[in-house]
Amino acid sequence: MLRSRASTPRDDRGSAALEFILVGVLLLVPLVYLVVALGAIQEQSLGAEAGARHIARVVSASPDLATARARAEELRRSVVEEYGMDADTVEVTIRCRPAGGACPRAGATLEVTVTTRVALPLVPALPGLDRMARVPVEASAVQKMSRLWGTE
């Protein structure tokens, strides 16, 4: 009996390995990028949280306003360096509750907020693209000021 070429089984030997490699690479590259990007965001999140917490503690433990500002700025520089943050994007905001009057002040509740923007890895510095490919990160910490703060 004669068989036509269309009905004969093809020789598929070796194609499974090629398909596995192709699909593996197509799935593995985005997965590795996601892990690297999330790692960078997590590092910056930990840095922002540590900065907010430590700055709140340093300000509340300082004897006066000038010392509090100097220590807070020194600590901000230290956190930026330790966590590899971009110093230009790190902003520290200090507010007191209840609002009104000088901040920090005796008896107030001090709220320190650290915000930054995390650049995603491997994004080219094309005009506008590098600014758009940043993830905002924000952390806050609260510390109660002593009623005797600044009286020394």
N, C-alpha and C. Protein backbone atom coordinates (compact mmCIF):
# COMPACT_ATOMS: atom_id res chain seq x y z
N MET A 1 0.83 -1.16 0.00
CA MET A 1 0.00 0.00 0.00
C MET A 1 0.89 1.24 0.00
N LEU A 2 0.53 2.17 -0.81
CA LEU A 2 1.30 3.39 -0.92
C LEU A 2 0.76 4.43 0.04
N ARG A 3 1.69 5.13 0.71
CA ARG A 3 1.29 6.22 1.62
C ARG A 3 1.71 7.55 1.04
N SER A 4 0.87 8.51 1.25
CA SER A 4 1.25 9.84 0.79
C SER A 4 2.16 10.49 1.83
N ARG A 5 2.89 11.48 1.45
CA ARG A 5 3.80 12.17 2.36
C ARG A 5 3.05 12.89 3.47
N ALA A 6 1.85 13.35 3.24
CA ALA A 6 1.08 14.10 4.23
C ALA A 6 0.67 13.22 5.39
N SER A 7 0.49 11.95 5.18
CA SER A 7 0.02 11.08 6.25
C SER A 7 1.15 10.41 7.02
N THR A 8 2.38 10.58 6.62
CA THR A 8 3.49 9.96 7.35
C THR A 8 3.83 10.78 8.57
N PRO A 9 4.13 10.12 9.68
CA PRO A 9 4.49 10.86 10.89
C PRO A 9 5.81 11.60 10.70
N ARG A 10 5.87 12.82 11.29
CA ARG A 10 7.11 13.61 11.18
C ARG A 10 8.12 13.12 12.20
N ASP A 11 9.35 13.40 11.93
CA ASP A 11 10.41 13.05 12.87
C ASP A 11 10.59 14.23 13.83
N ASP A 12 10.09 14.11 15.08
CA ASP A 12 10.12 15.19 16.06
C ASP A 12 11.26 15.05 17.06
N ARG A 13 12.17 14.19 16.81
CA ARG A 13 13.26 14.01 17.76
C ARG A 13 14.07 15.29 17.90
N GLY A 14 14.30 15.72 19.15
CA GLY A 14 15.10 16.91 19.41
C GLY A 14 14.29 18.18 19.55
N SER A 15 13.04 18.20 19.11
CA SER A 15 12.26 19.43 19.19
C SER A 15 11.77 19.70 20.60
N ALA A 16 11.59 18.69 21.43
CA ALA A 16 11.14 18.91 22.81
C ALA A 16 12.18 19.70 23.59
N ALA A 17 13.44 19.39 23.40
CA ALA A 17 14.50 20.12 24.10
C ALA A 17 14.53 21.57 23.64
N LEU A 18 14.37 21.79 22.35
CA LEU A 18 14.36 23.15 21.82
C LEU A 18 13.16 23.93 22.35
N GLU A 19 11.99 23.31 22.38
CA GLU A 19 10.80 23.96 22.92
C GLU A 19 10.97 24.28 24.41
N PHE A 20 11.54 23.35 25.14
CA PHE A 20 11.76 23.57 26.57
C PHE A 20 12.70 24.74 26.81
N ILE A 21 13.77 24.84 26.05
CA ILE A 21 14.72 25.94 26.20
C ILE A 21 14.06 27.27 25.81
N LEU A 22 13.34 27.28 24.71
CA LEU A 22 12.70 28.51 24.25
C LEU A 22 11.66 29.00 25.26
N VAL A 23 10.78 28.13 25.68
CA VAL A 23 9.75 28.52 26.64
C VAL A 23 10.38 28.85 27.99
N GLY A 24 11.40 28.11 28.39
CA GLY A 24 12.09 28.38 29.65
C GLY A 24 12.71 29.77 29.67
N VAL A 25 13.35 30.14 28.59
CA VAL A 25 13.97 31.47 28.51
C VAL A 25 12.90 32.56 28.50
N LEU A 26 11.83 32.33 27.75
CA LEU A 26 10.76 33.33 27.67
C LEU A 26 10.07 33.53 29.02
N LEU A 27 10.01 32.52 29.83
CA LEU A 27 9.40 32.66 31.15
C LEU A 27 10.41 33.06 32.22
N LEU A 28 11.63 32.64 32.07
CA LEU A 28 12.64 32.88 33.10
C LEU A 28 13.13 34.33 33.10
N VAL A 29 13.32 34.93 31.96
CA VAL A 29 13.84 36.30 31.90
C VAL A 29 12.90 37.30 32.59
N PRO A 30 11.59 37.30 32.31
CA PRO A 30 10.71 38.22 33.04
C PRO A 30 10.65 37.90 34.53
N LEU A 31 10.72 36.64 34.88
CA LEU A 31 10.69 36.26 36.29
C LEU A 31 11.92 36.77 37.03
N VAL A 32 13.08 36.65 36.44
CA VAL A 32 14.31 37.16 37.05
C VAL A 32 14.25 38.68 37.16
N TYR A 33 13.75 39.36 36.14
CA TYR A 33 13.62 40.82 36.20
C TYR A 33 12.68 41.23 37.32
N LEU A 34 11.57 40.52 37.47
CA LEU A 34 10.62 40.81 38.53
C LEU A 34 11.25 40.65 39.90
N VAL A 35 12.02 39.61 40.09
CA VAL A 35 12.70 39.39 41.38
C VAL A 35 13.70 40.51 41.66
N VAL A 36 14.47 40.92 40.66
CA VAL A 36 15.44 41.99 40.84
C VAL A 36 14.75 43.32 41.14
N ALA A 37 13.68 43.62 40.41
CA ALA A 37 12.95 44.88 40.63
C ALA A 37 12.30 44.91 42.01
N LEU A 38 11.67 43.82 42.41
CA LEU A 38 11.06 43.77 43.74
C LEU A 38 12.11 43.83 44.84
N GLY A 39 13.28 43.28 44.60
CA GLY A 39 14.36 43.38 45.57
C GLY A 39 14.82 44.82 45.76
N ALA A 40 14.92 45.56 44.67
CA ALA A 40 15.32 46.97 44.75
C ALA A 40 14.26 47.79 45.48
N ILE A 41 12.99 47.52 45.19
CA ILE A 41 11.90 48.25 45.86
C ILE A 41 11.88 47.91 47.34
N GLN A 42 12.08 46.64 47.68
CA GLN A 42 12.08 46.24 49.09
C GLN A 42 13.24 46.89 49.84
N GLU A 43 14.41 46.96 49.22
CA GLU A 43 15.56 47.60 49.87
C GLU A 43 15.27 49.06 50.19
N GLN A 44 14.69 49.77 49.23
CA GLN A 44 14.37 51.18 49.43
C GLN A 44 13.25 51.34 50.47
N SER A 45 12.30 50.41 50.49
CA SER A 45 11.23 50.46 51.49
C SER A 45 11.79 50.28 52.89
N LEU A 46 12.70 49.35 53.04
CA LEU A 46 13.33 49.16 54.35
C LEU A 46 14.14 50.38 54.75
N GLY A 47 14.81 51.00 53.79
CA GLY A 47 15.57 52.21 54.08
C GLY A 47 14.68 53.36 54.50
N ALA A 48 13.56 53.54 53.81
CA ALA A 48 12.63 54.61 54.16
C ALA A 48 12.04 54.38 55.54
N GLU A 49 11.67 53.15 55.83
CA GLU A 49 11.10 52.82 57.14
C GLU A 49 12.12 53.03 58.26
N ALA A 50 13.33 52.57 58.05
CA ALA A 50 14.38 52.75 59.06
C ALA A 50 14.69 54.23 59.26
N GLY A 51 14.75 54.98 58.17
CA GLY A 51 15.02 56.41 58.26
C GLY A 51 13.95 57.13 59.05
N ALA A 52 12.68 56.86 58.75
CA ALA A 52 11.58 57.53 59.46
C ALA A 52 11.61 57.19 60.95
N ARG A 53 11.78 55.92 61.27
CA ARG A 53 11.78 55.49 62.67
C ARG A 53 12.94 56.10 63.45
N HIS A 54 14.13 56.04 62.88
CA HIS A 54 15.31 56.55 63.59
C HIS A 54 15.33 58.07 63.68
N ILE A 55 14.87 58.75 62.65
CA ILE A 55 14.83 60.22 62.71
C ILE A 55 13.82 60.66 63.77
N ALA A 56 12.68 60.00 63.87
CA ALA A 56 11.70 60.34 64.91
C ALA A 56 12.30 60.15 66.30
N ARG A 57 13.03 59.08 66.49
CA ARG A 57 13.65 58.83 67.80
C ARG A 57 14.74 59.85 68.11
N VAL A 58 15.56 60.17 67.11
CA VAL A 58 16.66 61.11 67.33
C VAL A 58 16.13 62.50 67.65
N VAL A 59 15.11 62.94 66.92
CA VAL A 59 14.56 64.27 67.16
C VAL A 59 13.94 64.34 68.55
N SER A 60 13.20 63.32 68.94
CA SER A 60 12.55 63.36 70.25
C SER A 60 13.55 63.25 71.40
N ALA A 61 14.71 62.67 71.15
CA ALA A 61 15.72 62.53 72.21
C ALA A 61 16.71 63.69 72.23
N SER A 62 16.65 64.59 71.25
CA SER A 62 17.58 65.72 71.20
C SER A 62 17.19 66.77 72.24
N PRO A 63 18.17 67.50 72.77
CA PRO A 63 17.86 68.48 73.81
C PRO A 63 17.23 69.78 73.30
N ASP A 64 17.50 70.13 72.02
CA ASP A 64 16.95 71.38 71.50
C ASP A 64 16.76 71.28 69.98
N LEU A 65 16.19 72.33 69.40
CA LEU A 65 15.84 72.33 67.98
C LEU A 65 17.07 72.25 67.07
N ALA A 66 18.11 73.00 67.38
CA ALA A 66 19.31 73.01 66.54
C ALA A 66 19.97 71.64 66.53
N THR A 67 20.06 71.01 67.68
CA THR A 67 20.65 69.67 67.77
C THR A 67 19.78 68.66 67.03
N ALA A 68 18.46 68.79 67.17
CA ALA A 68 17.54 67.87 66.50
C ALA A 68 17.69 67.95 64.99
N ARG A 69 17.79 69.16 64.44
CA ARG A 69 17.95 69.31 62.99
C ARG A 69 19.27 68.73 62.51
N ALA A 70 20.34 69.00 63.24
CA ALA A 70 21.66 68.49 62.84
C ALA A 70 21.69 66.97 62.88
N ARG A 71 21.14 66.39 63.95
CA ARG A 71 21.14 64.93 64.07
C ARG A 71 20.25 64.28 63.02
N ALA A 72 19.11 64.90 62.72
CA ALA A 72 18.20 64.35 61.71
C ALA A 72 18.86 64.36 60.33
N GLU A 73 19.54 65.43 59.99
CA GLU A 73 20.22 65.50 58.69
C GLU A 73 21.37 64.50 58.61
N GLU A 74 22.11 64.36 59.68
CA GLU A 74 23.21 63.38 59.70
C GLU A 74 22.66 61.97 59.54
N LEU A 75 21.56 61.68 60.21
CA LEU A 75 20.95 60.35 60.11
C LEU A 75 20.37 60.11 58.72
N ARG A 76 19.78 61.14 58.10
CA ARG A 76 19.27 61.01 56.73
C ARG A 76 20.39 60.65 55.76
N ARG A 77 21.52 61.34 55.89
CA ARG A 77 22.67 61.02 55.02
C ARG A 77 23.15 59.59 55.24
N SER A 78 23.17 59.17 56.50
CA SER A 78 23.62 57.81 56.82
C SER A 78 22.69 56.76 56.22
N VAL A 79 21.39 56.96 56.32
CA VAL A 79 20.42 56.00 55.77
C VAL A 79 20.51 55.97 54.25
N VAL A 80 20.65 57.12 53.62
CA VAL A 80 20.77 57.19 52.16
C VAL A 80 21.99 56.40 51.70
N GLU A 81 23.08 56.55 52.40
CA GLU A 81 24.31 55.84 52.02
C GLU A 81 24.20 54.34 52.29
N GLU A 82 23.65 53.97 53.44
CA GLU A 82 23.58 52.56 53.82
C GLU A 82 22.65 51.76 52.91
N TYR A 83 21.53 52.33 52.52
CA TYR A 83 20.55 51.61 51.72
C TYR A 83 20.68 51.90 50.22
N GLY A 84 21.67 52.65 49.81
CA GLY A 84 21.91 52.91 48.40
C GLY A 84 20.81 53.71 47.73
N MET A 85 20.25 54.65 48.47
CA MET A 85 19.16 55.47 47.93
C MET A 85 19.73 56.64 47.14
N ASP A 86 18.92 57.20 46.26
CA ASP A 86 19.29 58.40 45.51
C ASP A 86 19.03 59.60 46.41
N ALA A 87 20.07 60.29 46.83
CA ALA A 87 19.94 61.40 47.79
C ALA A 87 19.03 62.51 47.27
N ASP A 88 18.96 62.67 45.95
CA ASP A 88 18.12 63.74 45.39
C ASP A 88 16.62 63.43 45.51
N THR A 89 16.26 62.16 45.64
CA THR A 89 14.85 61.80 45.69
C THR A 89 14.33 61.57 47.10
N VAL A 90 15.21 61.58 48.09
CA VAL A 90 14.78 61.31 49.47
C VAL A 90 14.34 62.62 50.13
N GLU A 91 13.10 62.64 50.59
CA GLU A 91 12.55 63.81 51.27
C GLU A 91 12.08 63.40 52.66
N VAL A 92 12.41 64.23 53.64
CA VAL A 92 11.98 64.00 55.01
C VAL A 92 11.04 65.12 55.42
N THR A 93 9.86 64.75 55.90
CA THR A 93 8.86 65.72 56.36
C THR A 93 8.59 65.46 57.84
N ILE A 94 8.66 66.52 58.63
CA ILE A 94 8.40 66.41 60.06
C ILE A 94 7.19 67.28 60.38
N ARG A 95 6.16 66.67 60.98
CA ARG A 95 4.96 67.39 61.39
C ARG A 95 4.66 67.06 62.84
N CYS A 96 3.97 67.98 63.49
CA CYS A 96 3.55 67.77 64.86
C CYS A 96 2.03 67.76 64.94
N ARG A 97 1.53 66.96 65.83
CA ARG A 97 0.10 66.93 66.12
C ARG A 97 -0.08 67.22 67.60
N PRO A 98 -0.95 68.02 68.00
CA PRO A 98 -1.87 68.82 67.20
C PRO A 98 -1.10 69.90 66.43
N ALA A 99 -1.66 70.28 65.29
CA ALA A 99 -1.02 71.26 64.42
C ALA A 99 -1.02 72.63 65.07
N GLY A 100 -0.10 73.47 64.62
CA GLY A 100 0.02 74.82 65.16
C GLY A 100 1.25 74.94 66.03
N GLY A 101 1.89 76.05 65.97
CA GLY A 101 3.09 76.27 66.77
C GLY A 101 4.32 75.68 66.11
N ALA A 102 5.41 75.78 66.83
CA ALA A 102 6.69 75.28 66.32
C ALA A 102 6.68 73.75 66.30
N CYS A 103 7.50 73.21 65.46
CA CYS A 103 7.62 71.75 65.38
C CYS A 103 9.09 71.42 65.21
N PRO A 104 9.67 70.61 66.02
CA PRO A 104 9.12 69.88 67.16
C PRO A 104 8.93 70.77 68.38
N ARG A 105 8.03 70.34 69.25
CA ARG A 105 7.78 71.09 70.48
C ARG A 105 7.42 70.11 71.59
N ALA A 106 7.54 70.59 72.80
CA ALA A 106 7.28 69.76 73.97
C ALA A 106 5.82 69.30 74.00
N GLY A 107 5.62 68.02 74.31
CA GLY A 107 4.28 67.46 74.46
C GLY A 107 3.57 67.09 73.18
N ALA A 108 4.12 67.42 72.03
CA ALA A 108 3.46 67.11 70.76
C ALA A 108 3.75 65.67 70.33
N THR A 109 2.95 65.20 69.41
CA THR A 109 3.21 63.91 68.78
C THR A 109 3.91 64.19 67.46
N LEU A 110 5.11 63.68 67.34
CA LEU A 110 5.95 63.94 66.17
C LEU A 110 5.69 62.87 65.11
N GLU A 111 5.44 63.29 63.89
CA GLU A 111 5.25 62.37 62.77
C GLU A 111 6.31 62.66 61.72
N VAL A 112 7.14 61.67 61.45
CA VAL A 112 8.21 61.79 60.46
C VAL A 112 7.85 60.92 59.26
N THR A 113 7.87 61.52 58.07
CA THR A 113 7.57 60.80 56.84
C THR A 113 8.78 60.90 55.91
N VAL A 114 9.23 59.76 55.43
CA VAL A 114 10.34 59.70 54.47
C VAL A 114 9.76 59.18 53.15
N THR A 115 9.94 59.95 52.08
CA THR A 115 9.49 59.54 50.75
C THR A 115 10.68 59.49 49.80
N THR A 116 10.61 58.56 48.88
CA THR A 116 11.65 58.42 47.86
C THR A 116 11.03 57.79 46.63
N ARG A 117 11.79 57.75 45.57
CA ARG A 117 11.34 57.12 44.33
C ARG A 117 12.43 56.14 43.90
N VAL A 118 12.01 54.89 43.65
CA VAL A 118 12.94 53.82 43.29
C VAL A 118 12.98 53.67 41.78
N ALA A 119 14.17 53.78 41.22
CA ALA A 119 14.34 53.59 39.78
C ALA A 119 14.35 52.09 39.48
N LEU A 120 13.57 51.68 38.49
CA LEU A 120 13.55 50.28 38.11
C LEU A 120 14.84 49.93 37.39
N PRO A 121 15.36 48.73 37.60
CA PRO A 121 16.63 48.35 36.97
C PRO A 121 16.51 48.19 35.46
N LEU A 122 17.59 48.47 34.78
CA LEU A 122 17.75 48.29 33.33
C LEU A 122 16.83 49.17 32.48
N VAL A 123 16.31 50.24 33.03
CA VAL A 123 15.50 51.16 32.24
C VAL A 123 16.45 52.20 31.64
N PRO A 124 16.44 52.35 30.32
CA PRO A 124 17.37 53.30 29.70
C PRO A 124 17.03 54.74 30.07
N ALA A 125 18.03 55.59 30.02
CA ALA A 125 17.87 57.00 30.39
C ALA A 125 17.37 57.82 29.20
N LEU A 126 16.34 57.35 28.56
CA LEU A 126 15.72 58.12 27.48
C LEU A 126 14.95 59.28 28.08
N PRO A 127 14.79 60.35 27.34
CA PRO A 127 14.08 61.51 27.90
C PRO A 127 12.68 61.15 28.40
N GLY A 128 12.49 61.30 29.68
CA GLY A 128 11.19 61.05 30.29
C GLY A 128 10.95 59.62 30.74
N LEU A 129 11.56 58.64 30.08
CA LEU A 129 11.32 57.25 30.43
C LEU A 129 11.91 56.90 31.79
N ASP A 130 13.10 57.42 32.07
CA ASP A 130 13.72 57.10 33.36
C ASP A 130 12.95 57.73 34.52
N ARG A 131 12.27 58.86 34.29
CA ARG A 131 11.46 59.47 35.36
C ARG A 131 10.14 58.73 35.53
N MET A 132 9.59 58.22 34.44
CA MET A 132 8.32 57.49 34.52
C MET A 132 8.49 56.11 35.14
N ALA A 133 9.65 55.52 34.98
CA ALA A 133 9.88 54.16 35.47
C ALA A 133 10.43 54.19 36.90
N ARG A 134 9.79 54.94 37.75
CA ARG A 134 10.18 55.01 39.17
C ARG A 134 8.97 54.67 40.02
N VAL A 135 9.22 53.96 41.09
CA VAL A 135 8.15 53.54 42.00
C VAL A 135 8.24 54.39 43.26
N PRO A 136 7.16 55.09 43.63
CA PRO A 136 7.20 55.89 44.86
C PRO A 136 7.12 55.00 46.10
N VAL A 137 7.94 55.34 47.08
CA VAL A 137 7.98 54.61 48.36
C VAL A 137 7.85 55.64 49.47
N GLU A 138 7.02 55.34 50.47
CA GLU A 138 6.82 56.26 51.58
C GLU A 138 6.72 55.46 52.87
N ALA A 139 7.32 55.99 53.94
CA ALA A 139 7.24 55.36 55.26
C ALA A 139 7.08 56.45 56.30
N SER A 140 6.31 56.16 57.34
CA SER A 140 6.07 57.13 58.40
C SER A 140 6.34 56.49 59.75
N ALA A 141 6.72 57.33 60.70
CA ALA A 141 6.92 56.89 62.08
C ALA A 141 6.40 57.98 62.99
N VAL A 142 5.90 57.59 64.15
CA VAL A 142 5.32 58.53 65.11
C VAL A 142 6.06 58.36 66.44
N GLN A 143 6.34 59.48 67.08
CA GLN A 143 7.05 59.48 68.36
C GLN A 143 6.45 60.58 69.24
N LYS A 144 6.19 60.27 70.47
CA LYS A 144 5.66 61.26 71.42
C LYS A 144 6.83 62.05 71.99
N MET A 145 6.71 63.39 71.94
CA MET A 145 7.75 64.26 72.49
C MET A 145 7.54 64.39 73.99
N SER A 146 8.61 64.53 74.71
CA SER A 146 8.53 64.73 76.16
C SER A 146 7.90 66.09 76.48
N ARG A 147 7.20 66.16 77.58
CA ARG A 147 6.64 67.45 77.99
C ARG A 147 7.72 68.43 78.39
N LEU A 148 8.89 67.93 78.72
CA LEU A 148 10.00 68.77 79.13
C LEU A 148 11.01 69.01 78.02
N TRP A 149 10.67 68.65 76.78
CA TRP A 149 11.61 68.78 75.68
C TRP A 149 12.00 70.24 75.46
N GLY A 150 13.26 70.49 75.31
CA GLY A 150 13.76 71.84 75.02
C GLY A 150 13.89 72.75 76.22
N THR A 151 13.67 72.24 77.42
CA THR A 151 13.76 73.10 78.61
C THR A 151 15.13 73.06 79.25
N GLU A 152 16.00 72.22 78.75
CA GLU A 152 17.34 72.11 79.36
C GLU A 152 18.22 73.26 78.98
